[in-house]
Protein backbone atom coordinates (compact mmCIF):
# COMPACT_ATOMS: atom_id res chain seq x y z
CA UNK A 1 -18.55 4.15 -19.61
CA UNK A 2 -18.81 5.00 -16.26
CA UNK A 3 -19.97 8.41 -15.39
CA UNK A 4 -17.94 11.15 -13.51
CA UNK A 5 -19.97 12.30 -10.77
CA UNK A 6 -19.56 16.32 -9.93
CA UNK A 7 -17.60 17.28 -6.62
CA UNK A 8 -20.47 18.54 -4.61
CA UNK A 9 -22.23 15.34 -5.37
CA UNK A 10 -19.17 13.02 -3.65
CA UNK A 11 -18.66 15.53 -0.84
CA UNK A 12 -22.76 15.59 0.01
CA UNK A 13 -22.29 11.73 -0.24
CA UNK A 14 -19.09 11.66 2.11
CA UNK A 15 -20.90 13.83 4.48
CA UNK A 16 -17.46 16.05 5.53
CA UNK A 17 -18.16 19.00 7.81
CA UNK A 18 -18.72 22.33 5.84
CA UNK A 19 -15.44 23.59 6.59
CA UNK A 20 -13.80 20.41 5.02
CA UNK A 21 -15.87 20.46 2.22
CA UNK A 22 -14.91 23.44 1.21
CA UNK A 23 -11.16 23.04 1.81
CA UNK A 24 -11.54 19.59 -0.09
CA UNK A 25 -14.09 21.21 -3.08
CA UNK A 26 -11.02 22.84 -5.28
CA UNK A 27 -8.40 19.12 -5.57
CA UNK A 28 -11.38 17.00 -5.66
CA UNK A 29 -12.94 19.61 -8.78
CA UNK A 30 -9.44 19.08 -10.22
CA UNK A 31 -9.00 15.53 -10.21
CA UNK A 32 -12.50 14.94 -11.42
CA UNK A 33 -11.98 17.22 -14.18
CA UNK A 34 -8.54 15.39 -15.51
CA UNK A 35 -10.15 12.31 -15.07
CA UNK A 36 -13.14 13.32 -17.29
CA UNK A 37 -10.43 14.09 -19.98
CA UNK A 38 -7.90 11.04 -19.22
CA UNK A 39 -8.76 8.73 -22.64
CA UNK A 40 -5.91 6.51 -21.87
CA UNK A 41 -7.26 5.26 -18.76
CA UNK A 42 -9.06 1.96 -19.22
CA UNK A 43 -12.61 1.44 -17.61
CA UNK A 44 -11.38 -0.08 -14.97
CA UNK A 45 -9.29 2.38 -14.46
CA UNK A 46 -11.95 4.86 -14.09
CA UNK A 47 -13.94 2.97 -11.74
CA UNK A 48 -10.24 2.48 -10.09
CA UNK A 49 -9.77 6.13 -9.75
CA UNK A 50 -13.51 6.76 -8.47
CA UNK A 51 -13.24 4.29 -5.80
CA UNK A 52 -10.16 5.84 -4.40
CA UNK A 53 -11.28 9.33 -4.18
CA UNK A 54 -14.17 7.97 -2.39
CA UNK A 55 -12.13 5.74 -0.30
CA UNK A 56 -9.97 9.13 0.57
CA UNK A 57 -12.80 11.15 1.29
CA UNK A 58 -13.93 8.46 3.55
CA UNK A 59 -11.26 8.48 5.43
CA UNK A 60 -11.26 11.65 6.12
CA UNK A 61 -15.00 11.74 7.17
CA UNK A 62 -14.06 9.18 9.73
CA UNK A 63 -11.72 11.29 11.79
CA UNK A 64 -13.45 14.26 11.83
CA UNK A 65 -16.28 12.57 13.09
CA UNK A 66 -13.90 11.34 15.59
CA UNK A 67 -12.75 14.82 16.26
CA UNK A 68 -15.89 16.29 16.37
CA UNK A 69 -16.98 13.27 19.41
CA UNK A 70 -13.62 13.82 20.81
CA UNK A 71 -12.83 17.65 20.64
CA UNK A 72 -9.53 16.92 23.05
CA UNK A 73 -7.82 15.12 19.77
CA UNK A 74 -8.02 19.07 18.65
CA UNK A 75 -5.78 19.82 21.63
CA UNK A 76 -2.63 17.05 20.66
CA UNK A 77 0.73 18.53 20.38
CA UNK A 78 2.64 17.26 17.35
CA UNK A 79 6.58 18.37 18.51
CA UNK A 80 8.94 19.08 16.22
CA UNK A 81 7.76 16.31 13.51
CA UNK A 82 10.96 14.86 11.61
CA UNK A 83 10.15 15.34 7.48
CA UNK A 84 12.02 13.49 4.78
CA UNK A 85 11.95 14.80 1.58
CA UNK A 86 13.90 14.39 -1.62
CA UNK A 87 13.59 12.59 -5.04
CA UNK A 88 11.79 9.08 -5.20
CA UNK A 89 14.20 5.94 -4.49
CA UNK A 90 16.90 7.62 -2.78
CA UNK A 91 16.19 5.75 0.20
CA UNK A 92 13.25 7.73 2.05
CA UNK A 93 11.48 4.68 2.50
CA UNK A 94 14.64 2.83 3.84
CA UNK A 95 15.28 5.84 6.21
CA UNK A 96 11.25 5.74 7.25
CA UNK A 97 11.39 2.46 8.12
CA UNK A 98 14.73 2.35 9.83
CA UNK A 99 13.65 5.28 12.17
CA UNK A 100 10.12 3.70 12.67
CA UNK A 101 11.51 0.78 14.43
CA UNK A 102 12.45 2.59 17.40
CA UNK A 103 10.32 2.14 19.21
CA UNK A 104 10.39 6.16 21.06
CA UNK A 105 9.39 7.27 17.65
CA UNK A 106 5.99 7.57 15.89
CA UNK A 107 5.00 6.64 12.05
CA UNK A 108 1.52 6.66 10.77
CA UNK A 109 1.42 2.77 9.91
CA UNK A 110 -0.18 1.79 6.47
CA UNK A 111 -2.87 -0.13 8.47
CA UNK A 112 -3.98 2.63 10.34
CA UNK A 113 -3.77 5.53 7.49
CA UNK A 114 -5.94 3.23 5.53
CA UNK A 115 -8.70 2.49 8.67
CA UNK A 116 -8.22 5.51 11.20
CA UNK A 117 -11.60 4.71 12.94
CA UNK A 118 -11.52 4.38 15.72
CA UNK A 119 -8.62 6.30 16.84
CA UNK A 120 -5.33 3.40 17.47
CA UNK A 121 -4.85 2.50 21.15
CA UNK A 122 -1.26 2.08 22.49
CA UNK A 123 -2.79 -0.85 24.12
CA UNK A 124 -4.20 -2.77 21.43
CA UNK A 125 -2.00 -1.53 18.42
CA UNK A 126 0.25 -4.67 18.14
CA UNK A 127 -3.15 -6.70 17.99
CA UNK A 128 -5.38 -4.77 16.05
CA UNK A 129 -7.76 -6.77 13.68
CA UNK A 130 -7.67 -3.40 11.24
CA UNK A 131 -3.70 -4.42 10.98
CA UNK A 132 -4.25 -8.38 9.57
CA UNK A 133 -7.45 -7.08 7.15
CA UNK A 134 -5.12 -4.48 5.72
CA UNK A 135 -2.54 -7.73 4.92
CA UNK A 136 -5.26 -9.99 3.79
CA UNK A 137 -6.33 -7.05 1.47
CA UNK A 138 -2.79 -6.81 0.41
CA UNK A 139 -2.23 -10.85 -0.39
CA UNK A 140 -5.56 -10.70 -1.97
CA UNK A 141 -4.72 -7.76 -4.45
CA UNK A 142 -1.02 -7.48 -5.33
CA UNK A 143 -0.74 -10.33 -7.54
CA UNK A 144 -0.22 -11.06 -11.14
CA UNK A 145 1.38 -7.95 -12.71
CA UNK A 146 0.60 -5.98 -9.74
CA UNK A 147 2.91 -8.25 -7.52
CA UNK A 148 5.82 -6.32 -8.82
CA UNK A 149 5.11 -3.50 -6.72
CA UNK A 150 5.73 -5.37 -4.28
CA UNK A 151 9.58 -5.65 -5.49
CA UNK A 152 9.97 -1.81 -5.12
CA UNK A 153 8.19 -0.68 -2.51
CA UNK A 154 7.33 -1.85 0.90
CA UNK A 155 3.54 -2.68 1.55
CA UNK A 156 2.05 -4.11 4.57
CA UNK A 157 -0.19 -3.22 7.57
CA UNK A 158 3.11 -2.74 9.67
CA UNK A 159 5.20 -0.72 7.33
CA UNK A 160 5.30 3.52 7.49
CA UNK A 161 3.10 5.03 5.51
CA UNK A 162 3.94 7.94 3.05
CA UNK A 163 2.37 11.30 3.68
CA UNK A 164 0.73 10.64 0.46
CA UNK A 165 -1.79 8.91 1.22
CA UNK A 166 -3.00 11.67 4.16
CA UNK A 167 -2.52 14.44 1.84
CA UNK A 168 -4.35 12.71 -0.55
CA UNK A 169 -7.67 12.87 1.87
CA UNK A 170 -7.50 16.57 1.29
CA UNK A 171 -7.16 16.32 -2.50
CA UNK A 172 -4.30 18.51 -2.04
CA UNK A 173 -1.58 15.68 -2.75
CA UNK A 174 0.48 13.93 -5.56
CA UNK A 175 -1.14 10.27 -5.81
CA UNK A 176 -4.35 11.42 -7.86
CA UNK A 177 -0.92 11.59 -10.77
CA UNK A 178 0.77 8.88 -9.95
CA UNK A 179 -1.87 6.20 -9.77
CA UNK A 180 -3.86 7.57 -12.75
CA UNK A 181 -1.53 10.05 -14.61
CA UNK A 182 -4.26 13.12 -15.19
CA UNK A 183 -1.57 15.80 -16.52
CA UNK A 184 -4.35 18.23 -15.49
CA UNK A 185 -4.54 17.51 -12.09
CA UNK A 186 -0.59 17.74 -11.75
CA UNK A 187 -1.10 20.95 -13.18
CA UNK A 188 -3.81 22.52 -10.24
CA UNK A 189 -1.39 20.68 -7.86
CA UNK A 190 1.92 22.37 -8.98
CA UNK A 191 0.20 26.08 -8.40
CA UNK A 192 -2.05 25.31 -5.64
CA UNK A 193 -1.53 26.60 -2.46
CA UNK A 194 -1.72 23.40 -0.19
CA UNK A 195 -2.08 24.92 2.88
CA UNK A 196 -5.38 23.10 3.66
CA UNK A 197 -3.60 19.96 2.67
CA UNK A 198 -1.23 20.18 5.64
CA UNK A 199 -4.03 21.16 7.97
CA UNK A 200 -5.47 18.01 7.22
CA UNK A 201 -2.17 16.37 7.75
CA UNK A 202 -1.94 17.86 10.83
CA UNK A 203 -5.45 16.81 11.92
CA UNK A 204 -3.96 12.91 11.04
CA UNK A 205 -1.31 12.78 12.94
CA UNK A 206 -2.87 14.10 16.59
CA UNK A 207 -5.98 11.71 15.56
CA UNK A 208 -3.20 9.19 15.24
CA UNK A 209 -1.41 10.64 18.12
CA UNK A 210 -4.22 10.81 20.60
CA UNK A 211 -4.15 7.52 22.41
CA UNK A 212 -1.27 6.32 21.42
CA UNK A 213 1.26 9.04 21.79
CA UNK A 214 5.23 8.91 21.08
CA UNK A 215 8.31 11.46 21.73
CA UNK A 216 8.69 12.61 18.06
CA UNK A 217 7.07 11.97 14.46
CA UNK A 218 8.80 10.74 11.65
CA UNK A 219 7.15 11.55 8.36
CA UNK A 220 8.35 11.11 4.69
CA UNK A 221 6.63 11.69 1.12
CA UNK A 222 8.55 13.02 -1.84
CA UNK A 223 6.14 15.59 -2.47
CA UNK A 224 6.77 17.88 0.51
CA UNK A 225 9.42 19.47 -1.56
CA UNK A 226 7.07 21.12 -4.18
CA UNK A 227 4.98 23.09 -0.89
CA UNK A 228 7.48 23.41 1.79
CA UNK A 229 6.62 26.92 2.63
CA UNK A 230 2.97 25.27 3.19
CA UNK A 231 4.35 22.31 5.37
CA UNK A 232 6.31 25.19 7.69
CA UNK A 233 3.02 27.35 8.24
CA UNK A 234 1.44 24.35 9.79
CA UNK A 235 4.89 22.76 11.39
CA UNK A 236 6.89 25.67 11.69
CA UNK A 237 9.02 23.46 14.26
CA UNK A 238 9.96 20.76 11.79
CA UNK A 239 12.77 19.38 10.80
CA UNK A 240 13.84 18.00 7.14
CA UNK A 241 16.28 15.62 5.90
CA UNK A 242 17.13 15.05 2.50
CA UNK A 243 18.76 11.89 1.54
CA UNK A 244 20.17 12.12 -2.11
CA UNK A 245 21.26 9.54 -5.39
CA UNK A 246 22.28 9.83 -8.92
CA UNK A 247 19.22 11.31 -10.62
CA UNK A 248 20.28 8.81 -13.57
CA UNK A 249 19.55 5.98 -11.37
CA UNK A 250 16.21 7.31 -9.75
CA UNK A 251 14.12 8.04 -12.95
CA UNK A 252 15.16 4.50 -14.22
CA UNK A 253 13.48 3.03 -11.32
CA UNK A 254 10.94 5.42 -10.41
CA UNK A 255 9.44 5.06 -14.08
CA UNK A 256 9.84 1.37 -13.77
CA UNK A 257 7.77 1.44 -10.91
CA UNK A 258 4.80 3.79 -11.83
CA UNK A 259 4.55 1.74 -14.71
CA UNK A 260 3.63 -1.34 -12.67
CA UNK A 261 1.54 0.97 -10.36
CA UNK A 262 -0.27 1.97 -13.28
CA UNK A 263 -0.62 -1.39 -15.27
CA UNK A 264 -4.45 -2.01 -13.65
CA UNK A 265 -5.78 0.86 -14.92
CA UNK A 266 -4.45 1.57 -18.45
CA UNK A 267 -4.92 -1.02 -21.49
CA UNK A 268 -1.36 0.06 -22.71
CA UNK A 269 1.61 2.42 -21.25
CA UNK A 270 4.01 4.29 -23.78
CA UNK A 271 6.92 3.76 -21.81
CA UNK A 272 8.42 6.62 -23.34
CA UNK A 273 5.75 9.10 -22.65
CA UNK A 274 5.84 8.09 -19.02
CA UNK A 275 9.96 8.84 -19.10
CA UNK A 276 9.40 12.13 -19.95
CA UNK A 277 6.39 12.71 -17.73
CA UNK A 278 8.49 11.82 -14.93
CA UNK A 279 11.79 13.02 -15.90
CA UNK A 280 10.18 16.55 -15.53
CA UNK A 281 7.16 16.05 -12.96
CA UNK A 282 10.45 15.15 -10.07
CA UNK A 283 12.57 18.22 -11.30
CA UNK A 284 9.69 20.40 -11.01
CA UNK A 285 9.63 19.20 -7.37
CA UNK A 286 13.79 19.79 -6.90
CA UNK A 287 13.55 23.12 -8.69
CA UNK A 288 10.92 24.45 -5.99
CA UNK A 289 12.75 23.03 -3.26
CA UNK A 290 16.09 24.91 -4.31
CA UNK A 291 14.63 27.84 -4.46
CA UNK A 292 12.79 27.65 -1.46
CA UNK A 293 16.29 26.97 0.38
CA UNK A 294 18.06 29.16 -1.24
CA UNK A 295 16.00 31.53 -0.13
CA UNK A 296 15.71 30.74 3.31
CA UNK A 297 19.42 29.55 4.16
CA UNK A 298 18.40 29.87 8.16
CA UNK A 299 16.48 26.84 7.76
CA UNK A 300 19.06 23.93 8.12
CA UNK A 301 18.35 20.95 6.05
CA UNK A 302 20.36 17.78 6.86
CA UNK A 303 21.57 16.33 3.68
CA UNK A 304 22.82 12.71 2.97
CA UNK A 305 24.06 9.98 0.40
CA UNK A 306 22.08 7.06 -0.39
CA UNK A 307 25.32 5.20 -0.64
CA UNK A 308 25.94 5.90 2.91
CA UNK A 309 22.13 5.18 4.11
CA UNK A 310 22.94 1.51 2.55
CA UNK A 311 26.57 1.00 3.44
CA UNK A 312 26.16 2.33 7.57
CA UNK A 313 22.24 2.57 8.08
CA UNK A 314 22.99 2.91 12.00
CA UNK A 315 25.09 6.03 11.11
CA UNK A 316 22.84 7.15 8.68
CA UNK A 317 19.99 7.38 11.21
CA UNK A 318 22.30 8.66 14.14
CA UNK A 319 23.27 11.63 12.12
CA UNK A 320 19.65 12.11 11.62
CA UNK A 321 18.68 12.15 14.95
CA UNK A 322 21.89 14.45 16.09
CA UNK A 323 20.65 16.98 13.81
CA UNK A 324 16.99 16.66 15.24
CA UNK A 325 17.79 16.85 18.62
CA UNK A 326 16.49 13.28 19.29
CA UNK A 327 18.31 10.39 21.56
CA UNK A 328 20.13 7.96 20.29
CA UNK A 329 19.79 4.92 22.68
CA UNK A 330 21.17 1.34 22.75
CA UNK A 331 17.62 0.30 21.99
CA UNK A 332 17.52 2.28 18.99
CA UNK A 333 20.53 1.02 17.40
CA UNK A 334 19.37 -2.32 17.88
CA UNK A 335 16.18 -1.72 16.99
CA UNK A 336 17.61 -0.29 13.63
CA UNK A 337 20.21 -2.83 12.94
CA UNK A 338 17.59 -5.18 13.17
CA UNK A 339 15.24 -3.57 10.91
CA UNK A 340 18.33 -3.76 7.76
CA UNK A 341 19.32 -7.70 8.82
CA UNK A 342 15.44 -8.59 8.67
CA UNK A 343 14.66 -6.57 5.44
CA UNK A 344 17.44 -7.24 2.60
CA UNK A 345 16.46 -5.17 -0.78
CA UNK A 346 15.17 -7.86 -2.71
CA UNK A 347 13.14 -9.75 0.18
CA UNK A 348 10.57 -9.77 -2.57
CA UNK A 349 12.38 -10.38 -5.79
CA UNK A 350 14.62 -8.06 -7.75
CA UNK A 351 13.27 -5.15 -9.25
CA UNK A 352 14.51 -4.59 -12.46
CA UNK A 353 14.58 -1.28 -14.62
CA UNK A 354 16.95 0.17 -17.52
CA UNK A 355 16.75 4.02 -18.53
CA UNK A 356 16.52 2.92 -21.87
CA UNK A 357 12.98 1.07 -21.75
CA UNK A 358 11.73 4.46 -20.75
CA UNK A 359 13.02 6.14 -24.17
CA UNK A 360 15.57 7.72 -21.43
CA UNK A 361 19.60 8.48 -22.17
CA UNK A 362 22.15 9.02 -19.28
CA UNK A 363 22.93 12.32 -21.12
CA UNK A 364 19.42 13.80 -21.10
CA UNK A 365 18.51 12.95 -17.71
CA UNK A 366 22.18 15.05 -16.22
CA UNK A 367 21.12 17.79 -18.58
CA UNK A 368 17.20 17.97 -16.89
CA UNK A 369 18.91 17.93 -13.72
CA UNK A 370 22.05 19.84 -14.18
CA UNK A 371 20.97 22.78 -11.71
CA UNK A 372 19.89 19.84 -8.83
CA UNK A 373 23.59 17.55 -9.74
CA UNK A 374 25.44 20.82 -9.27
CA UNK A 375 23.91 21.83 -6.01
CA UNK A 376 24.14 18.50 -4.18
CA UNK A 377 27.19 17.04 -6.16
CA UNK A 378 28.80 15.92 -2.92
CA UNK A 379 25.87 13.54 -2.06
CA UNK A 380 25.73 11.92 -5.46
């Protein structure tokens, strides 16, 4: 069985600066300890997890090296970034892509988050060979059982990337749990102060914007709900947007997606256990978010319905621009509508799922999410 290295050994191999190594150490230690005790992972799963952890550190080391060589990167201003948050499978990725189609908006693209160094440049952004390299990786790896991931979640070089792939470089994000289960790491993450993770997140945005700036950043990932105080400590002028969807549909869809994502790392997946895990995990995030929103009514969050996004995406995006004080131009409208027309929901095949496949019933989901349903009923 593949040996699990110490966090100190991995950090030494990565060559991170002392301050980043110190900030990364607690989460990496928690992730490695959880990995050591995750008996359900296959040997290939352990190897995949360690490779993912090494890649996280390598990507952070790369942007740190560029920042040291070019200190002016730290002076890049991130003005009023828009964060899309909420439950999974409620239209966040659709919104991110719709808004990302607007040429005045900057979203992190999947290729540049995977291979950030050297910093991307505006003149070569559309022809950078790293993008083709990323697409070649997807074509080679997302086959067989893993091909079903593409039916449920967009993957491609020029598709906007979630913040999770950035936060995980600080080991203060939820991706290790999603990919490899790791309940002990998840418990650590829930209780952690993730301010360092958002400081690293800002480093990434400055890095990506240095030679390829746009007017505004638009970002997304569901895990922001767990740690809104830390997000706003780093981005006090952030704009928050939250789409909503019936949690019964959400739980069926996300359970299927995570089952497919994990299938290459586990010899067998207990569907009922997976259903229970995700049922409560995502509710934990909403409990934290709802408590923060109740305690901070002065922070206006733009709520909207998933049903409205898919019925009239242009109107949904227009409402977000109004909330965020962004200019909705004729070019914006053409770009949003063009993306929608070019990306039907079943572009890569139909994402099929049933709640009962994961040992769940409508009554169970509605019971756990009773507080969420009561708070956001008019958006469901």
